[in-house]
C-alpha atoms as a PDB file:
ATOM      1  CA  MET A   1     150.290 -62.820  -5.516  1.00  0.00           C
ATOM      2  CA  ILE A   2     147.782 -63.768  -2.835  1.00  0.00           C
ATOM      3  CA  ALA A   3     148.319 -66.223   0.011  1.00  0.00           C
ATOM      4  CA  GLY A   4     145.380 -67.881   1.712  1.00  0.00           C
ATOM      5  CA  ILE A   5     146.146 -68.429   5.401  1.00  0.00           C
ATOM      6  CA  ILE A   6     143.857 -70.514   7.602  1.00  0.00           C
ATOM      7  CA  PRO A   7     144.459 -69.812  11.322  1.00  0.00           C
ATOM      8  CA  ALA A   8     143.613 -72.844  13.470  1.00  0.00           C
ATOM      9  CA  ARG A   9     144.094 -73.316  17.185  1.00  0.00           C
ATOM     10  CA  TYR A  10     143.222 -76.339  19.280  1.00  0.00           C
ATOM     11  CA  GLY A  11     142.129 -74.526  22.419  1.00  0.00           C
ATOM     12  CA  SER A  12     138.546 -73.280  22.420  1.00  0.00           C
ATOM     13  CA  SER A  13     136.415 -72.752  25.498  1.00  0.00           C
ATOM     14  CA  ARG A  14     133.207 -73.757  23.704  1.00  0.00           C
ATOM     15  CA  PHE A  15     134.608 -76.438  21.377  1.00  0.00           C
ATOM     16  CA  PRO A  16     138.083 -77.806  22.272  1.00  0.00           C
ATOM     17  CA  GLY A  17     139.797 -79.481  19.339  1.00  0.00           C
ATOM     18  CA  LYS A  18     137.386 -77.875  16.892  1.00  0.00           C
ATOM     19  CA  PRO A  19     139.663 -77.985  13.814  1.00  0.00           C
ATOM     20  CA  LEU A  20     139.891 -81.777  14.156  1.00  0.00           C
ATOM     21  CA  ALA A  21     136.146 -82.335  14.626  1.00  0.00           C
ATOM     22  CA  ASP A  22     134.808 -84.959  12.242  1.00  0.00           C
ATOM     23  CA  ILE A  23     132.270 -83.829   9.652  1.00  0.00           C
ATOM     24  CA  ALA A  24     130.966 -86.786   7.667  1.00  0.00           C
ATOM     25  CA  GLY A  25     134.354 -88.458   7.438  1.00  0.00           C
ATOM     26  CA  LYS A  26     136.610 -85.422   7.098  1.00  0.00           C
ATOM     27  CA  SER A  27     137.941 -83.022   9.707  1.00  0.00           C
ATOM     28  CA  MET A  28     136.745 -79.436   9.808  1.00  0.00           C
ATOM     29  CA  ILE A  29     140.200 -78.099   8.910  1.00  0.00           C
ATOM     30  CA  GLN A  30     140.525 -80.465   5.948  1.00  0.00           C
ATOM     31  CA  ARG A  31     137.181 -79.302   4.595  1.00  0.00           C
ATOM     32  CA  VAL A  32     138.196 -75.644   4.911  1.00  0.00           C
ATOM     33  CA  TYR A  33     141.529 -76.366   3.213  1.00  0.00           C
ATOM     34  CA  GLU A  34     139.970 -78.300   0.334  1.00  0.00           C
ATOM     35  CA  GLN A  35     137.382 -75.599  -0.294  1.00  0.00           C
ATOM     36  CA  ALA A  36     140.084 -72.917  -0.293  1.00  0.00           C
ATOM     37  CA  ALA A  37     142.152 -75.005  -2.722  1.00  0.00           C
ATOM     38  CA  LYS A  38     139.312 -74.732  -5.260  1.00  0.00           C
ATOM     39  CA  SER A  39     139.688 -70.956  -5.359  1.00  0.00           C
ATOM     40  CA  LYS A  40     141.135 -69.572  -8.597  1.00  0.00           C
ATOM     41  CA  SER A  41     142.764 -66.608  -6.870  1.00  0.00           C
ATOM     42  CA  LEU A  42     145.187 -68.038  -4.330  1.00  0.00           C
ATOM     43  CA  GLN A  43     148.793 -68.802  -5.217  1.00  0.00           C
ATOM     44  CA  HIS A  44     149.518 -70.518  -1.897  1.00  0.00           C
ATOM     45  CA  ILE A  45     147.379 -71.993   0.892  1.00  0.00           C
ATOM     46  CA  VAL A  46     148.636 -72.801   4.380  1.00  0.00           C
ATOM     47  CA  VAL A  47     147.237 -73.638   7.811  1.00  0.00           C
ATOM     48  CA  ALA A  48     148.761 -71.570  10.629  1.00  0.00           C
ATOM     49  CA  THR A  49     148.539 -73.347  13.977  1.00  0.00           C
ATOM     50  CA  ASP A  50     150.212 -73.518  17.362  1.00  0.00           C
ATOM     51  CA  ASP A  51     149.281 -77.175  17.877  1.00  0.00           C
ATOM     52  CA  GLU A  52     151.299 -80.210  16.786  1.00  0.00           C
ATOM     53  CA  ARG A  53     148.181 -82.375  16.554  1.00  0.00           C
ATOM     54  CA  ILE A  54     146.629 -80.038  14.009  1.00  0.00           C
ATOM     55  CA  ALA A  55     149.945 -79.669  12.163  1.00  0.00           C
ATOM     56  CA  GLY A  56     150.399 -83.433  11.919  1.00  0.00           C
ATOM     57  CA  HIS A  57     146.859 -83.909  10.683  1.00  0.00           C
ATOM     58  CA  VAL A  58     147.237 -81.251   7.979  1.00  0.00           C
ATOM     59  CA  GLN A  59     150.468 -82.835   6.783  1.00  0.00           C
ATOM     60  CA  ALA A  60     148.767 -86.247   6.732  1.00  0.00           C
ATOM     61  CA  PHE A  61     146.135 -85.107   4.240  1.00  0.00           C
ATOM     62  CA  GLY A  62     148.795 -83.354   2.130  1.00  0.00           C
ATOM     63  CA  GLY A  63     148.239 -79.762   3.201  1.00  0.00           C
ATOM     64  CA  ASN A  64     150.765 -77.020   3.881  1.00  0.00           C
ATOM     65  CA  VAL A  65     151.220 -75.947   7.496  1.00  0.00           C
ATOM     66  CA  VAL A  66     153.348 -73.579   9.562  1.00  0.00           C
ATOM     67  CA  ILE A  67     153.740 -73.631  13.330  1.00  0.00           C
ATOM     68  CA  THR A  68     153.090 -70.286  15.014  1.00  0.00           C
ATOM     69  CA  ALA A  69     153.333 -69.059  18.593  1.00  0.00           C
ATOM     70  CA  ALA A  70     150.582 -69.853  21.072  1.00  0.00           C
ATOM     71  CA  HIS A  71     150.190 -66.325  22.441  1.00  0.00           C
ATOM     72  CA  HIS A  72     148.420 -64.699  19.487  1.00  0.00           C
ATOM     73  CA  ALA A  73     145.215 -62.949  20.508  1.00  0.00           C
ATOM     74  CA  SER A  74     143.685 -62.979  17.020  1.00  0.00           C
ATOM     75  CA  GLY A  75     143.776 -64.702  13.659  1.00  0.00           C
ATOM     76  CA  THR A  76     145.223 -61.509  12.213  1.00  0.00           C
ATOM     77  CA  ASP A  77     148.299 -61.745  14.430  1.00  0.00           C
ATOM     78  CA  ARG A  78     148.686 -65.440  13.590  1.00  0.00           C
ATOM     79  CA  CYS A  79     148.478 -64.580   9.877  1.00  0.00           C
ATOM     80  CA  MET A  80     151.297 -62.072  10.283  1.00  0.00           C
ATOM     81  CA  GLU A  81     153.659 -64.629  11.813  1.00  0.00           C
ATOM     82  CA  ALA A  82     152.674 -67.227   9.210  1.00  0.00           C
ATOM     83  CA  LEU A  83     153.344 -64.763   6.386  1.00  0.00           C
ATOM     84  CA  GLN A  84     156.889 -64.242   7.656  1.00  0.00           C
ATOM     85  CA  LYS A  85     157.480 -67.989   7.381  1.00  0.00           C
ATOM     86  CA  LEU A  86     156.135 -68.475   3.858  1.00  0.00           C
ATOM     87  CA  PRO A  87     158.420 -68.909   0.863  1.00  0.00           C
ATOM     88  CA  GLY A  88     158.125 -66.198  -1.786  1.00  0.00           C
ATOM     89  CA  GLN A  89     156.710 -62.693  -1.800  1.00  0.00           C
ATOM     90  CA  PHE A  90     152.984 -61.958  -1.533  1.00  0.00           C
ATOM     91  CA  ASN A  91     151.073 -58.740  -2.142  1.00  0.00           C
ATOM     92  CA  TYR A  92     148.020 -59.781  -0.142  1.00  0.00           C
ATOM     93  CA  VAL A  93     146.913 -62.284   2.475  1.00  0.00           C
ATOM     94  CA  ILE A  94     143.361 -63.576   2.762  1.00  0.00           C
ATOM     95  CA  ASN A  95     142.502 -64.780   6.254  1.00  0.00           C
ATOM     96  CA  ILE A  96     140.209 -67.776   5.733  1.00  0.00           C
ATOM     97  CA  GLN A  97     138.266 -68.726   8.843  1.00  0.00           C
ATOM     98  CA  GLY A  98     139.189 -72.192  10.087  1.00  0.00           C
ATOM     99  CA  ASP A  99     135.705 -72.829  11.465  1.00  0.00           C
ATOM    100  CA  GLU A 100     133.773 -72.385   8.195  1.00  0.00           C
ATOM    101  CA  PRO A 101     134.031 -75.847   6.586  1.00  0.00           C
ATOM    102  CA  PHE A 102     131.462 -75.038   3.898  1.00  0.00           C
ATOM    103  CA  ILE A 103     133.022 -71.828   2.634  1.00  0.00           C
ATOM    104  CA  GLN A 104     132.545 -71.455  -1.111  1.00  0.00           C
ATOM    105  CA  PRO A 105     135.587 -70.961  -3.382  1.00  0.00           C
ATOM    106  CA  GLY A 106     133.616 -68.290  -5.246  1.00  0.00           C
ATOM    107  CA  GLN A 107     133.373 -66.281  -2.052  1.00  0.00           C
ATOM    108  CA  ILE A 108     137.160 -66.229  -1.763  1.00  0.00           C
ATOM    109  CA  ASP A 109     137.420 -65.185  -5.410  1.00  0.00           C
ATOM    110  CA  GLU A 110     134.934 -62.348  -4.856  1.00  0.00           C
ATOM    111  CA  LEU A 111     137.101 -60.909  -2.120  1.00  0.00           C
ATOM    112  CA  ALA A 112     140.274 -61.402  -4.136  1.00  0.00           C
ATOM    113  CA  ALA A 113     138.755 -59.493  -7.072  1.00  0.00           C
ATOM    114  CA  ALA A 114     138.597 -56.378  -4.881  1.00  0.00           C
ATOM    115  CA  LEU A 115     142.390 -56.436  -4.498  1.00  0.00           C
ATOM    116  CA  GLN A 116     143.337 -56.133  -8.144  1.00  0.00           C
ATOM    117  CA  ASP A 117     144.114 -52.413  -8.007  1.00  0.00           C
ATOM    118  CA  GLY A 118     146.876 -53.039  -5.480  1.00  0.00           C
ATOM    119  CA  GLN A 119     145.764 -49.926  -3.583  1.00  0.00           C
ATOM    120  CA  THR A 120     143.249 -51.589  -1.282  1.00  0.00           C
ATOM    121  CA  GLU A 121     144.612 -51.666   2.271  1.00  0.00           C
ATOM    122  CA  LEU A 122     142.098 -54.015   3.848  1.00  0.00           C
ATOM    123  CA  ALA A 123     138.960 -55.697   2.557  1.00  0.00           C
ATOM    124  CA  THR A 124     136.148 -57.796   3.937  1.00  0.00           C
ATOM    125  CA  GLN A 125     132.682 -58.923   2.898  1.00  0.00           C
ATOM    126  CA  MET A 126     129.102 -58.031   3.690  1.00  0.00           C
ATOM    127  CA  ILE A 127     125.635 -59.329   2.915  1.00  0.00           C
ATOM    128  CA  ALA A 128     122.319 -57.492   2.859  1.00  0.00           C
ATOM    129  CA  VAL A 129     120.069 -57.723   5.924  1.00  0.00           C
ATOM    130  CA  GLU A 130     116.606 -58.902   4.966  1.00  0.00           C
ATOM    131  CA  SER A 131     114.850 -59.397   8.294  1.00  0.00           C
ATOM    132  CA  GLU A 132     114.166 -57.742  11.622  1.00  0.00           C
ATOM    133  CA  ALA A 133     115.498 -60.803  13.482  1.00  0.00           C
ATOM    134  CA  VAL A 134     118.937 -60.578  11.855  1.00  0.00           C
ATOM    135  CA  LEU A 135     119.077 -56.803  12.135  1.00  0.00           C
ATOM    136  CA  PHE A 136     118.560 -56.824  15.906  1.00  0.00           C
ATOM    137  CA  ASP A 137     120.681 -59.915  16.599  1.00  0.00           C
ATOM    138  CA  GLU A 138     123.660 -58.599  18.592  1.00  0.00           C
ATOM    139  CA  GLY A 139     125.691 -61.576  17.384  1.00  0.00           C
ATOM    140  CA  GLU A 140     125.452 -60.187  13.851  1.00  0.00           C
ATOM    141  CA  VAL A 141     127.813 -57.295  13.192  1.00  0.00           C
ATOM    142  CA  LYS A 142     126.347 -54.458  11.129  1.00  0.00           C
ATOM    143  CA  ILE A 143     128.378 -52.171   8.862  1.00  0.00           C
ATOM    144  CA  VAL A 144     127.956 -48.455   8.170  1.00  0.00           C
ATOM    145  CA  LEU A 145     129.440 -47.468   4.792  1.00  0.00           C
ATOM    146  CA  ASN A 146     130.606 -44.345   3.025  1.00  0.00           C
ATOM    147  CA  GLU A 147     129.766 -43.636  -0.611  1.00  0.00           C
ATOM    148  CA  ALA A 148     132.873 -45.500  -1.780  1.00  0.00           C
ATOM    149  CA  GLY A 149     131.766 -48.739  -0.111  1.00  0.00           C
ATOM    150  CA  GLU A 150     134.328 -48.378   2.666  1.00  0.00           C
ATOM    151  CA  ALA A 151     133.511 -49.038   6.308  1.00  0.00           C
ATOM    152  CA  LEU A 152     132.767 -46.074   8.519  1.00  0.00           C
ATOM    153  CA  TYR A 153     131.933 -48.272  11.496  1.00  0.00           C
ATOM    154  CA  PHE A 154     131.107 -51.840  12.572  1.00  0.00           C
ATOM    155  CA  SER A 155     128.685 -52.406  15.443  1.00  0.00           C
ATOM    156  CA  ARG A 156     126.679 -55.089  17.188  1.00  0.00           C
ATOM    157  CA  MET A 157     123.966 -52.459  17.582  1.00  0.00           C
ATOM    158  CA  VAL A 158     121.776 -51.202  14.763  1.00  0.00           C
ATOM    159  CA  ILE A 159     123.174 -48.080  13.100  1.00  0.00           C
ATOM    160  CA  PRO A 160     121.653 -45.836  11.823  1.00  0.00           C
ATOM    161  CA  TYR A 161     118.619 -45.281  14.001  1.00  0.00           C
ATOM    162  CA  ILE A 162     115.540 -44.674  11.814  1.00  0.00           C
ATOM    163  CA  LYS A 163     113.581 -41.810  13.393  1.00  0.00           C
ATOM    164  CA  GLY A 164     109.794 -42.000  13.222  1.00  0.00           C
ATOM    165  CA  VAL A 165     109.664 -45.629  12.017  1.00  0.00           C
ATOM    166  CA  GLU A 166     108.803 -48.712  14.066  1.00  0.00           C
ATOM    167  CA  LYS A 167     111.865 -50.870  14.632  1.00  0.00           C
ATOM    168  CA  LYS A 168     110.271 -53.890  12.983  1.00  0.00           C
ATOM    169  CA  ASP A 169     110.214 -51.921   9.728  1.00  0.00           C
ATOM    170  CA  TRP A 170     113.690 -50.382   9.817  1.00  0.00           C
ATOM    171  CA  HIS A 171     115.166 -52.855   7.331  1.00  0.00           C
ATOM    172  CA  ARG A 172     112.483 -51.790   4.828  1.00  0.00           C
ATOM    173  CA  HIS A 173     113.447 -48.112   5.056  1.00  0.00           C
ATOM    174  CA  HIS A 174     117.235 -48.368   4.909  1.00  0.00           C
ATOM    175  CA  ARG A 175     119.654 -50.791   3.259  1.00  0.00           C
ATOM    176  CA  TYR A 176     121.506 -52.452   6.127  1.00  0.00           C
ATOM    177  CA  TYR A 177     124.458 -54.808   5.718  1.00  0.00           C
ATOM    178  CA  ARG A 178     125.971 -57.342   8.074  1.00  0.00           C
ATOM    179  CA  HIS A 179     129.569 -58.445   8.193  1.00  0.00           C
ATOM    180  CA  VAL A 180     130.746 -61.715   6.640  1.00  0.00           C
ATOM    181  CA  GLY A 181     134.013 -62.562   8.315  1.00  0.00           C
ATOM    182  CA  MET A 182     136.882 -63.102   5.853  1.00  0.00           C
ATOM    183  CA  TYR A 183     139.591 -60.452   5.759  1.00  0.00           C
ATOM    184  CA  ALA A 184     142.099 -59.519   3.074  1.00  0.00           C
ATOM    185  CA  TYR A 185     145.209 -57.568   4.055  1.00  0.00           C
ATOM    186  CA  ARG A 186     147.802 -55.876   1.874  1.00  0.00           C
ATOM    187  CA  THR A 187     150.973 -57.334   3.338  1.00  0.00           C
ATOM    188  CA  ASP A 188     152.551 -54.022   4.312  1.00  0.00           C
ATOM    189  CA  ILE A 189     149.304 -53.051   6.064  1.00  0.00           C
ATOM    190  CA  LEU A 190     149.121 -56.414   7.846  1.00  0.00           C
ATOM    191  CA  GLU A 191     152.535 -55.710   9.323  1.00  0.00           C
ATOM    192  CA  LYS A 192     151.400 -52.278  10.538  1.00  0.00           C
ATOM    193  CA  ILE A 193     148.086 -53.341  12.087  1.00  0.00           C
ATOM    194  CA  SER A 194     149.686 -56.291  13.869  1.00  0.00           C
ATOM    195  CA  ARG A 195     151.732 -53.773  15.886  1.00  0.00           C
ATOM    196  CA  LEU A 196     148.769 -51.684  17.015  1.00  0.00           C
ATOM    197  CA  PRO A 197     147.627 -51.803  20.648  1.00  0.00           C
ATOM    198  CA  VAL A 198     144.036 -52.710  21.469  1.00  0.00           C
ATOM    199  CA  SER A 199     141.798 -49.674  20.952  1.00  0.00           C
ATOM    200  CA  ALA A 200     138.931 -48.327  23.047  1.00  0.00           C
ATOM    201  CA  LEU A 201     136.322 -49.043  20.378  1.00  0.00           C
ATOM    202  CA  GLU A 202     137.657 -52.551  19.896  1.00  0.00           C
ATOM    203  CA  GLN A 203     137.369 -53.190  23.617  1.00  0.00           C
ATOM    204  CA  ALA A 204     133.844 -51.820  23.755  1.00  0.00           C
ATOM    205  CA  GLU A 205     132.424 -53.926  20.913  1.00  0.00           C
ATOM    206  CA  SER A 206     134.951 -56.802  20.942  1.00  0.00           C
ATOM    207  CA  LEU A 207     135.624 -56.269  17.226  1.00  0.00           C
ATOM    208  CA  GLU A 208     139.277 -56.097  16.169  1.00  0.00           C
ATOM    209  CA  GLN A 209     138.494 -54.293  12.904  1.00  0.00           C
ATOM    210  CA  LEU A 210     137.543 -51.217  14.938  1.00  0.00           C
ATOM    211  CA  ARG A 211     141.199 -50.980  15.985  1.00  0.00           C
ATOM    212  CA  TRP A 212     142.122 -50.537  12.330  1.00  0.00           C
ATOM    213  CA  LEU A 213     139.440 -47.935  11.669  1.00  0.00           C
ATOM    214  CA  GLN A 214     140.279 -46.034  14.817  1.00  0.00           C
ATOM    215  CA  ASN A 215     143.886 -45.820  13.623  1.00  0.00           C
ATOM    216  CA  GLY A 216     142.933 -44.451  10.206  1.00  0.00           C
ATOM    217  CA  PHE A 217     143.118 -47.515   7.970  1.00  0.00           C
ATOM    218  CA  THR A 218     140.570 -48.049   5.178  1.00  0.00           C
ATOM    219  CA  ILE A 219     138.465 -51.206   4.914  1.00  0.00           C
ATOM    220  CA  LYS A 220     136.796 -51.894   1.569  1.00  0.00           C
ATOM    221  CA  CYS A 221     133.540 -53.847   1.945  1.00  0.00           C
ATOM    222  CA  VAL A 222     132.595 -56.268  -0.839  1.00  0.00           C
ATOM    223  CA  LEU A 223     129.004 -57.360  -1.313  1.00  0.00           C
ATOM    224  CA  THR A 224     128.513 -61.126  -1.427  1.00  0.00           C
ATOM    225  CA  GLN A 225     125.532 -63.398  -1.915  1.00  0.00           C
ATOM    226  CA  TYR A 226     127.256 -66.231  -0.054  1.00  0.00           C
ATOM    227  CA  ASP A 227     126.186 -66.694   3.539  1.00  0.00           C
ATOM    228  CA  SER A 228     128.674 -68.092   6.033  1.00  0.00           C
ATOM    229  CA  TYR A 229     128.215 -70.941   8.474  1.00  0.00           C
ATOM    230  CA  CYS A 230     130.583 -70.365  11.372  1.00  0.00           C
ATOM    231  CA  ILE A 231     130.845 -73.250  13.846  1.00  0.00           C
ATOM    232  CA  ASP A 232     131.581 -72.182  17.412  1.00  0.00           C
ATOM    233  CA  SER A 233     130.135 -75.152  19.306  1.00  0.00           C
ATOM    234  CA  PRO A 234     129.083 -78.801  18.852  1.00  0.00           C
ATOM    235  CA  ALA A 235     125.475 -77.553  18.694  1.00  0.00           C
ATOM    236  CA  ASP A 236     126.391 -75.256  15.781  1.00  0.00           C
ATOM    237  CA  LEU A 237     127.907 -78.215  13.952  1.00  0.00           C
ATOM    238  CA  GLU A 238     124.779 -80.293  14.457  1.00  0.00           C
ATOM    239  CA  SER A 239     122.581 -77.458  13.186  1.00  0.00           C
ATOM    240  CA  VAL A 240     124.711 -76.872  10.082  1.00  0.00           C
ATOM    241  CA  LEU A 241     124.792 -80.583   9.245  1.00  0.00           C
ATOM    242  CA  LYS A 242     120.993 -80.669   9.359  1.00  0.00           C
ATOM    243  CA  LEU A 243     120.864 -77.592   7.149  1.00  0.00           C
ATOM    244  CA  MET A 244     123.309 -79.039   4.615  1.00  0.00           C
ATOM    245  CA  GLY A 245     121.587 -82.426   4.496  1.00  0.00           C
ATOM    246  CA  ASN A 246     123.022 -84.622   1.731  1.00  0.00           C
ATOM    247  CA  ASN A 247     125.221 -81.800   0.394  1.00  0.00           C
ATOM    248  CA  VAL A 248     128.037 -82.500   2.903  1.00  0.00           C
END
């Protein structure tokens, strides 16, 4: 069984109250919840929040919610506490980003399909890099893979370096992938990684998944064709609304 957990906190330096932001008549968190509910792979969906305003709003539109502590440094830690409060037993948790109101149910199902063997410890998604601009954007996290499609490393820098080729042509000489941010955790692994201290690599790149790699855990990377639209600021929301047009 798979639980979909949507971490949502009210406090945000760039966009306070983001989960409750109105998007064409519905809040951001309601849109995320409704999209997740269309997935065929989740047996339970819940919002995990430390804020009573968000909790009350979720209950008002008929969603499931659990209240978690305010001190969590990451969505992963919030997922762990939420899991402990859910009824029933789950084999996996999928961490669904609370600031991606246009996430596609098929994207969730793609990630869930990678969990069917029961052996996968952790999984996430990736998409091919098709341009120089994306490849050298330090806001886009690149993934280095082994032959089994498991992550060797995540970096904001471009890895590998292509010797003897102009940088503008690197993406034509090597298949690069960038990270798409949902995570799936086997529940016993989620418990273990939530106890780990911050690692040196994590601190350097500000990427929590490096903590897991540095401690020997395996992250399966699943190719997706779905792009993600993460909203970190009011300007991001305005840009995405223009992009979506009448499809909101």
